[in-house]
Amino acid sequence: MVEPDRVFFVRVMREWISRFTGKIIENFEIHLSQPMGFAGDIMSLTEFATSRQVKNLVLDFSDPIQRNLSQAQQIIRDGLLRCRYPQKNELDVSHLFFNLLYVRNLTVCSFFLQVLQDCDDPMALHVSMKTRHLVMKTNMHANDFVGISIFLNSCPELESLTFDLVTSSRFVRAPSPLVIDPVSHWLTSKSYECLEKTLKVVKITKFRGSSNELHMLQYLLRTGCVMERVDLYEAEGLNHNQKRWVLAGVEEVQQNFKRASRHLRITLHNAG
């Protein structure tokens, strides 16, 4: 979508929500890749959706085209972290996060997971959310881990968690002073209320058995006291060696990972 079309599209959406008279919205999705200059619009659209008690909300700012966007994403990140609105004080991305507190079914992208860690105190975003079903679109890069932890910490009523692994596009984040080692991060991460009391189902789509996927799974199995199912959906288009890697990963999970729940069933679903 070229820039004039993007401006027109957002303008139409702003006009549409200004005319909407309904009190409840079932589904609301915001898909806007490279949203430079649209931070205020994103905030307004999100506030509108949550004010109408939206049941299913999707926030997807990822780019479906595989290319290096580090410079562009730096601009986007700065725009979201420091955006000025007429008659409002300077806001940061935490305000967008707090708009999501009452959304029951929520989908967020890797970009959103990563900008959360740039807040002054990311783990201070601990106000309890009402989210029961959470989908995270992620390439399971270490830069996503803080965002994942923030949501686990903030969703004490979470019942199902889905990781939709992004393989068609790669989000390249601007360099950060925060360096995260996947092994030590998940080994030292504490358990959260949802893992101890409510989280029963974990799904991973486009599963490849990578080390980062396995480190995260090991943490969830070790801390998920009431988990009943882990469903792993094999990525499509894998060659013979890649399929063997997936099987080896699943075998490692089945045989060697400690489980906090006695009733857990782990299933690998082969790609069709």
Protein backbone atom coordinates (compact mmCIF):
# COMPACT_ATOMS: atom_id res chain seq x y z
CA MET A 1 0.00 0.00 0.00
CA VAL A 2 1.64 3.28 -1.09
CA GLU A 3 1.75 6.18 1.37
CA PRO A 4 -1.23 8.20 0.01
CA ASP A 5 -3.36 5.06 0.11
CA ARG A 6 -2.27 4.33 3.69
CA VAL A 7 -3.18 7.89 4.76
CA PHE A 8 -6.54 7.62 3.03
CA PHE A 9 -7.21 4.21 4.56
CA VAL A 10 -6.47 5.41 8.10
CA ARG A 11 -8.54 8.54 7.53
CA VAL A 12 -11.50 6.42 6.42
CA MET A 13 -11.14 4.23 9.49
CA ARG A 14 -11.05 7.26 11.78
CA GLU A 15 -14.18 8.61 10.12
CA TRP A 16 -15.88 5.20 10.39
CA ILE A 17 -15.32 4.91 14.13
CA SER A 18 -16.58 8.46 14.63
CA ARG A 19 -19.89 7.43 13.04
CA PHE A 20 -20.20 4.01 14.71
CA THR A 21 -23.13 3.92 17.13
CA GLY A 22 -22.96 0.32 18.35
CA LYS A 23 -22.05 -0.53 21.93
CA ILE A 24 -20.28 -3.87 21.41
CA ILE A 25 -17.81 -5.12 18.77
CA GLU A 26 -17.16 -8.83 18.28
CA ASN A 27 -13.91 -8.66 16.26
CA PHE A 28 -11.51 -5.80 15.55
CA GLU A 29 -8.18 -6.18 13.76
CA ILE A 30 -5.51 -3.57 13.07
CA HIS A 31 -3.01 -4.66 10.40
CA LEU A 32 -0.68 -1.80 9.54
CA SER A 33 2.89 -2.65 8.62
CA GLN A 34 5.50 0.11 8.92
CA PRO A 35 3.08 2.49 10.70
CA MET A 36 5.41 5.51 10.63
CA GLY A 37 3.43 8.60 11.52
CA PHE A 38 0.31 6.64 12.50
CA ALA A 39 0.95 6.18 16.23
CA GLY A 40 -1.89 8.53 17.18
CA ASP A 41 -4.27 6.73 14.85
CA ILE A 42 -3.31 3.33 16.29
CA MET A 43 -3.98 4.63 19.79
CA SER A 44 -7.37 6.03 18.78
CA LEU A 45 -8.43 2.85 16.99
CA THR A 46 -7.39 0.71 19.96
CA GLU A 47 -9.18 2.96 22.43
CA PHE A 48 -12.29 2.81 20.27
CA ALA A 49 -12.23 -1.01 20.12
CA THR A 50 -11.76 -1.45 23.85
CA SER A 51 -14.44 1.16 24.64
CA ARG A 52 -16.86 -1.05 22.69
CA GLN A 53 -15.98 -4.12 24.79
CA VAL A 54 -14.24 -5.82 21.87
CA LYS A 55 -14.14 -9.60 22.28
CA ASN A 56 -11.35 -10.44 19.82
CA LEU A 57 -8.60 -7.88 19.20
CA VAL A 58 -5.64 -8.28 16.82
CA LEU A 59 -2.71 -5.84 16.78
CA ASP A 60 -0.36 -6.69 13.92
CA PHE A 61 2.29 -4.18 12.87
CA SER A 62 4.61 -6.72 11.25
CA ASP A 63 5.75 -6.50 7.63
CA PRO A 64 4.79 -9.50 5.49
CA ILE A 65 7.64 -8.77 3.09
CA GLN A 66 10.98 -10.31 4.01
CA ARG A 67 13.49 -7.46 4.04
CA ASN A 68 15.76 -5.59 6.40
CA LEU A 69 13.75 -2.90 8.13
CA SER A 70 16.09 -1.96 10.96
CA GLN A 71 16.21 1.74 10.10
CA ALA A 72 12.49 1.97 9.44
CA GLN A 73 11.64 0.06 12.59
CA GLN A 74 13.81 2.44 14.60
CA ILE A 75 11.65 5.29 13.31
CA ILE A 76 8.46 3.39 14.15
CA ARG A 77 9.68 2.50 17.61
CA ASP A 78 10.60 6.09 18.40
CA GLY A 79 7.23 7.22 17.09
CA LEU A 80 5.35 4.80 19.33
CA LEU A 81 7.44 5.48 22.38
CA ARG A 82 7.34 9.23 22.03
CA CYS A 83 4.23 10.42 20.27
CA ARG A 84 2.49 13.70 20.88
CA TYR A 85 -1.25 14.12 20.59
CA PRO A 86 -3.24 17.39 20.47
CA GLN A 87 -4.31 18.44 23.98
CA LYS A 88 -2.52 15.46 25.51
CA ASN A 89 0.75 15.01 27.29
CA GLU A 90 3.59 13.01 25.81
CA LEU A 91 2.73 9.31 25.97
CA ASP A 92 4.70 6.09 25.69
CA VAL A 93 3.85 2.61 24.49
CA SER A 94 2.74 1.59 27.97
CA HIS A 95 -0.49 3.53 27.39
CA LEU A 96 -1.25 1.30 24.44
CA PHE A 97 -0.61 -1.73 26.65
CA PHE A 98 -2.98 -0.48 29.35
CA ASN A 99 -5.73 -0.06 26.75
CA LEU A 100 -5.76 -3.87 26.44
CA LEU A 101 -6.58 -4.71 30.05
CA TYR A 102 -10.15 -5.94 29.44
CA VAL A 103 -9.68 -7.74 26.12
CA ARG A 104 -10.53 -11.44 26.57
CA ASN A 105 -9.09 -12.72 23.25
CA LEU A 106 -5.94 -10.90 22.18
CA THR A 107 -3.42 -11.29 19.34
CA VAL A 108 -0.16 -9.31 19.33
CA CYS A 109 2.81 -9.29 16.95
CA SER A 110 6.56 -9.47 17.45
CA PHE A 111 6.92 -5.73 16.96
CA PHE A 112 4.63 -5.02 19.90
CA LEU A 113 6.44 -7.59 22.06
CA GLN A 114 9.76 -5.90 21.36
CA VAL A 115 8.80 -2.25 21.89
CA LEU A 116 7.43 -3.15 25.33
CA GLN A 117 10.95 -3.80 26.60
CA ASP A 118 11.92 -0.21 25.81
CA CYS A 119 9.67 1.13 28.55
CA ASP A 120 11.57 2.57 31.52
CA ASP A 121 10.58 -0.42 33.67
CA PRO A 122 9.05 -3.12 31.42
CA MET A 123 8.12 -5.55 34.18
CA ALA A 124 6.28 -2.75 35.99
CA LEU A 125 3.52 -3.34 33.42
CA HIS A 126 1.91 -5.79 35.80
CA VAL A 127 -1.65 -4.53 36.08
CA SER A 128 -3.89 -7.58 35.80
CA MET A 129 -5.41 -8.12 32.36
CA LYS A 130 -8.63 -10.06 31.74
CA THR A 131 -7.18 -11.91 28.75
CA ARG A 132 -8.15 -15.58 28.65
CA HIS A 133 -6.86 -16.50 25.19
CA LEU A 134 -3.60 -15.00 23.94
CA VAL A 135 -1.88 -15.38 20.57
CA MET A 136 1.66 -14.10 20.07
CA LYS A 137 3.02 -13.84 16.54
CA THR A 138 6.76 -14.23 17.06
CA ASN A 139 9.91 -15.54 15.41
CA MET A 140 11.01 -16.57 18.92
CA HIS A 141 13.96 -14.20 18.76
CA ALA A 142 15.51 -13.40 22.13
CA ASN A 143 14.32 -9.80 21.75
CA ASP A 144 10.74 -11.06 22.11
CA PHE A 145 11.32 -12.78 25.45
CA VAL A 146 10.79 -9.75 27.71
CA GLY A 147 7.50 -9.00 25.96
CA ILE A 148 6.42 -12.63 26.35
CA SER A 149 7.25 -12.50 30.06
CA ILE A 150 5.34 -9.23 30.49
CA PHE A 151 2.18 -10.82 29.10
CA LEU A 152 2.57 -13.97 31.21
CA ASN A 153 2.99 -11.75 34.25
CA SER A 154 0.00 -9.58 33.35
CA CYS A 155 -2.55 -12.29 32.45
CA PRO A 156 -3.41 -14.12 35.70
CA GLU A 157 -6.57 -15.62 34.14
CA LEU A 158 -4.94 -16.90 30.96
CA GLU A 159 -6.36 -20.25 29.84
CA SER A 160 -4.81 -20.80 26.42
CA LEU A 161 -1.57 -19.53 24.91
CA THR A 162 -0.65 -19.79 21.23
CA PHE A 163 2.70 -19.01 19.68
CA ASP A 164 2.21 -18.40 15.96
CA LEU A 165 5.79 -18.67 14.78
CA VAL A 166 6.57 -16.19 12.03
CA THR A 167 8.72 -17.73 9.33
CA SER A 168 7.80 -15.71 6.23
CA SER A 169 9.07 -12.41 7.51
CA ARG A 170 11.76 -11.37 9.95
CA PHE A 171 11.45 -8.40 12.24
CA VAL A 172 14.86 -6.79 12.61
CA ARG A 173 15.00 -4.71 15.71
CA ALA A 174 17.30 -1.76 16.21
CA PRO A 175 20.29 -2.56 18.48
CA SER A 176 19.40 -2.58 22.16
CA PRO A 177 21.69 -2.36 25.20
CA LEU A 178 19.68 -5.23 26.68
CA VAL A 179 21.35 -8.50 25.66
CA ILE A 180 19.31 -11.60 26.42
CA ASP A 181 20.67 -15.13 26.57
CA PRO A 182 17.77 -17.55 25.87
CA VAL A 183 19.11 -20.29 28.16
CA SER A 184 19.67 -18.13 31.23
CA HIS A 185 16.50 -16.10 30.62
CA TRP A 186 14.14 -19.07 30.80
CA LEU A 187 16.15 -20.91 33.47
CA THR A 188 15.95 -17.94 35.81
CA SER A 189 12.43 -16.74 34.93
CA LYS A 190 9.99 -17.07 37.79
CA SER A 191 6.62 -18.71 37.55
CA TYR A 192 3.55 -16.53 37.10
CA GLU A 193 0.04 -16.84 38.46
CA CYS A 194 -1.46 -18.07 35.18
CA LEU A 195 1.12 -20.87 34.99
CA GLU A 196 0.29 -21.99 38.50
CA LYS A 197 -3.51 -21.74 38.37
CA THR A 198 -5.19 -21.28 34.97
CA LEU A 199 -3.09 -22.01 31.86
CA LYS A 200 -4.24 -25.36 30.47
CA VAL A 201 -3.48 -25.27 26.74
CA VAL A 202 -0.35 -24.23 24.85
CA LYS A 203 -0.15 -24.33 21.05
CA ILE A 204 2.84 -23.70 18.82
CA THR A 205 2.17 -23.36 15.12
CA LYS A 206 4.88 -23.70 12.45
CA PHE A 207 7.00 -25.59 14.96
CA ARG A 208 10.57 -26.33 13.81
CA GLY A 209 12.25 -27.56 16.97
CA SER A 210 14.71 -24.66 17.20
CA SER A 211 16.73 -24.17 20.38
CA ASN A 212 14.82 -21.01 21.32
CA GLU A 213 11.50 -22.83 20.92
CA LEU A 214 12.73 -25.68 23.13
CA HIS A 215 14.10 -23.37 25.85
CA MET A 216 10.74 -21.64 26.07
CA LEU A 217 8.87 -24.97 26.09
CA GLN A 218 11.09 -26.29 28.85
CA TYR A 219 10.19 -23.27 30.98
CA LEU A 220 6.46 -23.65 30.36
CA LEU A 221 6.48 -27.36 31.21
CA ARG A 222 8.53 -26.78 34.33
CA THR A 223 6.22 -24.06 35.67
CA GLY A 224 2.81 -24.96 34.19
CA CYS A 225 1.17 -26.70 37.14
CA VAL A 226 -2.29 -27.18 35.60
CA MET A 227 -1.38 -27.61 31.94
CA GLU A 228 -3.34 -30.32 30.14
CA ARG A 229 -2.24 -30.04 26.50
CA VAL A 230 0.72 -28.91 24.47
CA ASP A 231 -0.06 -29.06 20.76
CA LEU A 232 2.87 -28.67 18.38
CA TYR A 233 1.94 -28.06 14.74
CA GLU A 234 4.82 -28.89 12.41
CA ALA A 235 5.80 -26.16 9.93
CA GLU A 236 4.86 -26.84 6.32
CA GLY A 237 7.38 -27.38 3.53
CA LEU A 238 10.12 -28.95 5.64
CA ASN A 239 12.66 -31.21 3.96
CA HIS A 240 13.67 -34.62 5.30
CA ASN A 241 16.46 -33.30 7.53
CA GLN A 242 14.28 -30.54 8.93
CA LYS A 243 11.55 -33.05 9.77
CA ARG A 244 14.11 -35.18 11.59
CA TRP A 245 15.11 -32.08 13.57
CA VAL A 246 11.49 -31.54 14.57
CA LEU A 247 11.15 -35.17 15.69
CA ALA A 248 14.37 -34.93 17.68
CA GLY A 249 13.08 -31.80 19.39
CA VAL A 250 9.78 -33.44 20.30
CA GLU A 251 11.60 -36.50 21.64
CA GLU A 252 13.73 -34.22 23.81
CA VAL A 253 10.59 -32.57 25.16
CA GLN A 254 8.82 -35.88 25.79
CA GLN A 255 11.67 -37.69 27.50
CA ASN A 256 13.86 -35.12 29.22
CA PHE A 257 11.81 -32.05 30.12
CA LYS A 258 10.52 -31.93 33.69
CA ARG A 259 6.75 -31.48 33.95
CA ALA A 260 4.94 -29.70 36.75
CA SER A 261 1.58 -31.13 35.67
CA ARG A 262 0.79 -34.83 35.95
CA HIS A 263 -2.02 -34.63 33.42
CA LEU A 264 -0.08 -33.06 30.53
CA ARG A 265 -0.35 -34.52 27.04
CA ILE A 266 2.12 -33.41 24.35
CA THR A 267 1.11 -33.98 20.72
CA LEU A 268 2.92 -33.34 17.46
CA HIS A 269 0.59 -32.61 14.56
CA ASN A 270 2.21 -33.27 11.21
CA ALA A 271 1.85 -30.73 8.45
CA GLY A 272 -0.82 -31.67 5.92
